[in-house]
Amino acid sequence: MKVSIAALCATAAMATASAANAATTVLDFNDLAQAGAGRKTISQNNFKYQGFNFRSVYVGDPNFFTLGLDDPANADPNGTTFGHTWEGYETHVTKQDGSTFDVFSVDIADILNVGARHSGRFRFTFADNTQKSFDFVTDPSAGLQTLVFDMKNVTGMLFYADLGENIQIDNIRLEGSVAAVPEPATWAMMIMGFGGVGATLRRRRQALATA
């Protein structure tokens, strides 16, 4: 009997944990989209966005920008992407409150969205002060490509394109950044799990009462 109760409790706990693990925030910059073509300046070398800080190491008046909704260089057909005017300079990304975060993936494209092979690097710094770097080359076709990292307990992320090249980024997927709200299927699993526990306990009490 104890095994059955433990198993049912585990089922309910797994459903709850699954909901928590599913928590994801996506920085898609779509709320910054503007009509027309061309680059739309949104900030100088420091830019705060949805609890994160984007900082360029270039101090000579750089510009962070998004691409206009009608710009052919915009690699996001449903919104906009984020870029930096000056190639070759690092952009650092941190939480505004200094806490850690998990980076699952980032979408990138060459700055003109023509399938040019532009190269650069992402580097992650972790809570234990270790670092890990990933070199990239944009693929030879227009549109966004996804770089999957799945980095946990990150204190900072930086990215840059090599000198003479540039990229646009989009859809920074951050896992575990917000409290999860279980989906209907997860609620059903949880209810079944707890219901099973209750039914098992009732049967056990009845068995003891009639013994």
Protein backbone atom coordinates (compact mmCIF):
# COMPACT_ATOMS: atom_id res chain seq x y z
CA MET A 1 0.00 0.00 0.00
CA LYS A 2 2.78 2.42 0.83
CA VAL A 3 4.31 1.79 -2.60
CA SER A 4 1.06 2.74 -4.30
CA ILE A 5 0.76 5.96 -2.31
CA ALA A 6 4.39 6.86 -3.03
CA ALA A 7 3.93 6.18 -6.74
CA LEU A 8 0.83 8.35 -6.93
CA CYS A 9 2.54 11.15 -5.03
CA ALA A 10 5.48 10.88 -7.43
CA THR A 11 3.10 11.18 -10.40
CA ALA A 12 1.60 14.37 -9.01
CA ALA A 13 5.04 15.75 -8.16
CA MET A 14 6.34 14.95 -11.65
CA ALA A 15 3.40 16.81 -13.18
CA THR A 16 4.13 19.83 -11.02
CA ALA A 17 7.86 19.70 -11.81
CA SER A 18 7.10 19.38 -15.52
CA ALA A 19 5.05 22.56 -15.39
CA ALA A 20 7.85 24.39 -13.56
CA ASN A 21 10.51 23.19 -16.00
CA ALA A 22 8.37 24.34 -18.92
CA ALA A 23 8.63 28.00 -17.86
CA THR A 24 10.08 29.98 -20.73
CA THR A 25 10.52 33.65 -21.55
CA VAL A 26 11.23 34.70 -25.14
CA LEU A 27 12.79 38.08 -25.87
CA ASP A 28 11.39 38.64 -29.38
CA PHE A 29 11.55 42.46 -29.56
CA ASN A 30 8.25 42.49 -31.46
CA ASP A 31 6.78 45.17 -29.18
CA LEU A 32 9.51 47.47 -30.56
CA ALA A 33 8.51 46.95 -34.20
CA GLN A 34 7.95 50.08 -36.26
CA ALA A 35 6.37 50.56 -39.67
CA GLY A 36 8.45 51.32 -42.73
CA ALA A 37 11.93 50.31 -43.80
CA GLY A 38 15.39 50.97 -42.47
CA ARG A 39 16.98 50.79 -39.06
CA LYS A 40 14.98 52.23 -36.17
CA THR A 41 17.27 53.47 -33.41
CA ILE A 42 16.03 52.47 -29.95
CA SER A 43 18.97 53.20 -27.64
CA GLN A 44 22.60 54.18 -27.35
CA ASN A 45 25.12 51.86 -25.68
CA ASN A 46 22.80 50.79 -22.83
CA PHE A 47 19.37 49.32 -23.44
CA LYS A 48 17.00 47.87 -20.84
CA TYR A 49 14.43 45.35 -22.04
CA GLN A 50 12.08 43.04 -20.13
CA GLY A 51 14.28 42.79 -17.05
CA PHE A 52 17.54 42.51 -19.01
CA ASN A 53 20.31 44.98 -19.74
CA PHE A 54 22.05 45.10 -23.13
CA ARG A 55 25.34 46.99 -23.06
CA SER A 56 27.81 47.69 -25.85
CA VAL A 57 31.50 48.01 -25.08
CA TYR A 58 31.80 50.67 -27.78
CA VAL A 59 31.50 54.05 -26.06
CA GLY A 60 31.67 56.35 -29.09
CA ASP A 61 27.88 56.71 -29.39
CA PRO A 62 26.78 53.31 -30.73
CA ASN A 63 23.17 52.65 -31.60
CA PHE A 64 21.01 49.65 -30.82
CA PHE A 65 18.27 49.33 -33.41
CA THR A 66 15.40 47.24 -34.71
CA LEU A 67 14.57 46.77 -38.38
CA GLY A 68 11.42 48.26 -39.89
CA LEU A 69 8.48 45.96 -40.56
CA ASP A 70 8.76 46.60 -44.29
CA ASP A 71 12.53 46.34 -44.52
CA PRO A 72 13.72 43.40 -46.67
CA ALA A 73 16.65 43.02 -44.30
CA ASN A 74 14.26 42.21 -41.45
CA ALA A 75 14.61 38.44 -40.95
CA ASP A 76 11.47 38.18 -38.79
CA PRO A 77 8.42 38.18 -41.09
CA ASN A 78 6.05 38.59 -38.12
CA GLY A 79 7.85 41.29 -36.17
CA THR A 80 11.33 42.70 -35.87
CA THR A 81 14.87 41.80 -34.87
CA PHE A 82 17.52 43.45 -32.71
CA GLY A 83 20.89 44.69 -33.90
CA HIS A 84 23.85 46.94 -33.23
CA THR A 85 25.24 49.54 -35.60
CA TRP A 86 28.90 48.77 -34.96
CA GLU A 87 30.28 45.39 -36.00
CA GLY A 88 33.14 43.77 -34.12
CA TYR A 89 32.10 45.10 -30.69
CA GLU A 90 30.70 42.97 -27.90
CA THR A 91 27.15 43.34 -26.64
CA HIS A 92 26.77 42.10 -23.04
CA VAL A 93 23.45 40.80 -21.72
CA THR A 94 22.73 40.52 -17.98
CA LYS A 95 19.71 40.47 -15.69
CA GLN A 96 18.96 43.89 -14.27
CA ASP A 97 18.61 42.41 -10.78
CA GLY A 98 21.92 40.55 -11.06
CA SER A 99 20.36 37.09 -10.81
CA THR A 100 21.21 34.08 -12.96
CA PHE A 101 19.23 32.87 -15.94
CA ASP A 102 19.15 29.93 -18.37
CA VAL A 103 19.65 30.45 -22.10
CA PHE A 104 18.17 27.76 -24.34
CA SER A 105 18.59 29.23 -27.82
CA VAL A 106 18.97 32.38 -29.93
CA ASP A 107 17.93 33.09 -33.52
CA ILE A 108 20.39 34.95 -35.76
CA ALA A 109 20.74 36.11 -39.37
CA ASP A 110 23.24 38.16 -41.32
CA ILE A 111 22.47 41.84 -41.03
CA LEU A 112 21.13 42.19 -44.59
CA ASN A 113 19.21 38.89 -44.53
CA VAL A 114 20.64 37.74 -47.85
CA GLY A 115 22.37 34.55 -46.78
CA ALA A 116 25.81 36.09 -46.32
CA ARG A 117 28.27 34.03 -44.29
CA HIS A 118 28.94 36.25 -41.29
CA SER A 119 30.86 34.87 -38.34
CA GLY A 120 31.17 35.73 -34.67
CA ARG A 121 30.89 34.36 -31.17
CA PHE A 122 28.58 33.90 -28.19
CA ARG A 123 30.16 33.59 -24.76
CA PHE A 124 28.47 32.65 -21.49
CA THR A 125 29.67 33.35 -17.96
CA PHE A 126 28.32 31.14 -15.18
CA ALA A 127 27.69 31.60 -11.48
CA ASP A 128 31.00 29.87 -10.66
CA ASN A 129 32.84 32.37 -12.92
CA THR A 130 33.63 29.77 -15.58
CA GLN A 131 32.97 30.62 -19.23
CA LYS A 132 32.00 28.80 -22.39
CA SER A 133 32.20 30.15 -25.96
CA PHE A 134 30.46 29.19 -29.19
CA ASP A 135 31.65 30.36 -32.59
CA PHE A 136 29.05 30.69 -35.32
CA VAL A 137 28.72 31.31 -39.04
CA THR A 138 25.37 32.39 -40.43
CA ASP A 139 23.94 29.93 -42.94
CA PRO A 140 23.89 30.65 -46.70
CA SER A 141 20.17 31.38 -46.91
CA ALA A 142 17.93 34.25 -45.91
CA GLY A 143 15.89 34.05 -42.74
CA LEU A 144 16.59 33.25 -39.12
CA GLN A 145 18.60 30.24 -38.00
CA THR A 146 18.47 28.88 -34.46
CA LEU A 147 21.55 28.34 -32.33
CA VAL A 148 20.81 25.96 -29.44
CA PHE A 149 22.92 26.44 -26.30
CA ASP A 150 20.94 25.16 -23.29
CA MET A 151 23.18 27.00 -20.81
CA LYS A 152 22.16 26.91 -17.12
CA ASN A 153 22.90 29.34 -14.26
CA VAL A 154 24.24 32.06 -16.54
CA THR A 155 25.23 35.41 -15.03
CA GLY A 156 26.03 37.01 -18.37
CA MET A 157 25.95 36.42 -22.11
CA LEU A 158 27.80 38.35 -24.77
CA PHE A 159 27.77 38.19 -28.54
CA TYR A 160 29.53 39.87 -31.41
CA ALA A 161 30.12 39.54 -35.12
CA ASP A 162 33.65 39.64 -36.47
CA LEU A 163 35.05 42.93 -37.71
CA GLY A 164 33.52 43.90 -41.04
CA GLU A 165 30.51 41.65 -40.47
CA ASN A 166 27.29 42.02 -38.53
CA ILE A 167 24.24 40.07 -37.40
CA GLN A 168 20.68 40.60 -36.26
CA ILE A 169 19.35 38.52 -33.37
CA ASP A 170 15.87 37.49 -32.30
CA ASN A 171 13.92 35.13 -30.02
CA ILE A 172 16.31 34.77 -27.10
CA ARG A 173 14.71 31.82 -25.31
CA LEU A 174 15.29 31.90 -21.57
CA GLU A 175 14.20 28.86 -19.58
CA GLY A 176 13.16 29.04 -15.97
CA SER A 177 12.81 32.82 -16.02
CA VAL A 178 9.20 33.05 -14.88
CA ALA A 179 6.90 31.07 -12.59
CA ALA A 180 5.15 28.35 -14.53
CA VAL A 181 1.39 28.15 -15.01
CA PRO A 182 0.52 24.48 -15.60
CA GLU A 183 -1.20 23.68 -18.87
CA PRO A 184 -4.63 21.92 -18.80
CA ALA A 185 -3.06 18.51 -19.44
CA THR A 186 -0.66 19.07 -16.54
CA TRP A 187 -3.52 20.09 -14.24
CA ALA A 188 -5.32 16.88 -15.22
CA MET A 189 -2.26 14.80 -14.31
CA MET A 190 -1.95 16.58 -10.98
CA ILE A 191 -5.64 16.13 -10.14
CA MET A 192 -5.51 12.45 -11.08
CA GLY A 193 -2.40 11.98 -8.96
CA PHE A 194 -3.82 13.68 -5.87
CA GLY A 195 -7.20 12.05 -6.42
CA GLY A 196 -5.53 8.66 -6.53
CA VAL A 197 -3.75 9.38 -3.29
CA GLY A 198 -7.05 10.33 -1.64
CA ALA A 199 -8.84 7.24 -2.94
CA THR A 200 -6.03 4.98 -1.75
CA LEU A 201 -6.09 6.51 1.72
CA ARG A 202 -9.88 6.12 1.91
CA ARG A 203 -9.66 2.46 0.93
CA ARG A 204 -6.98 1.91 3.53
CA ARG A 205 -9.12 3.49 6.28
CA GLN A 206 -12.13 1.41 5.27
CA ALA A 207 -10.03 -1.76 5.33
CA LEU A 208 -8.79 -0.94 8.83
CA ALA A 209 -12.34 -0.16 10.02
CA THR A 210 -13.68 -3.54 8.87
CA ALA A 211 -10.70 -5.55 10.09
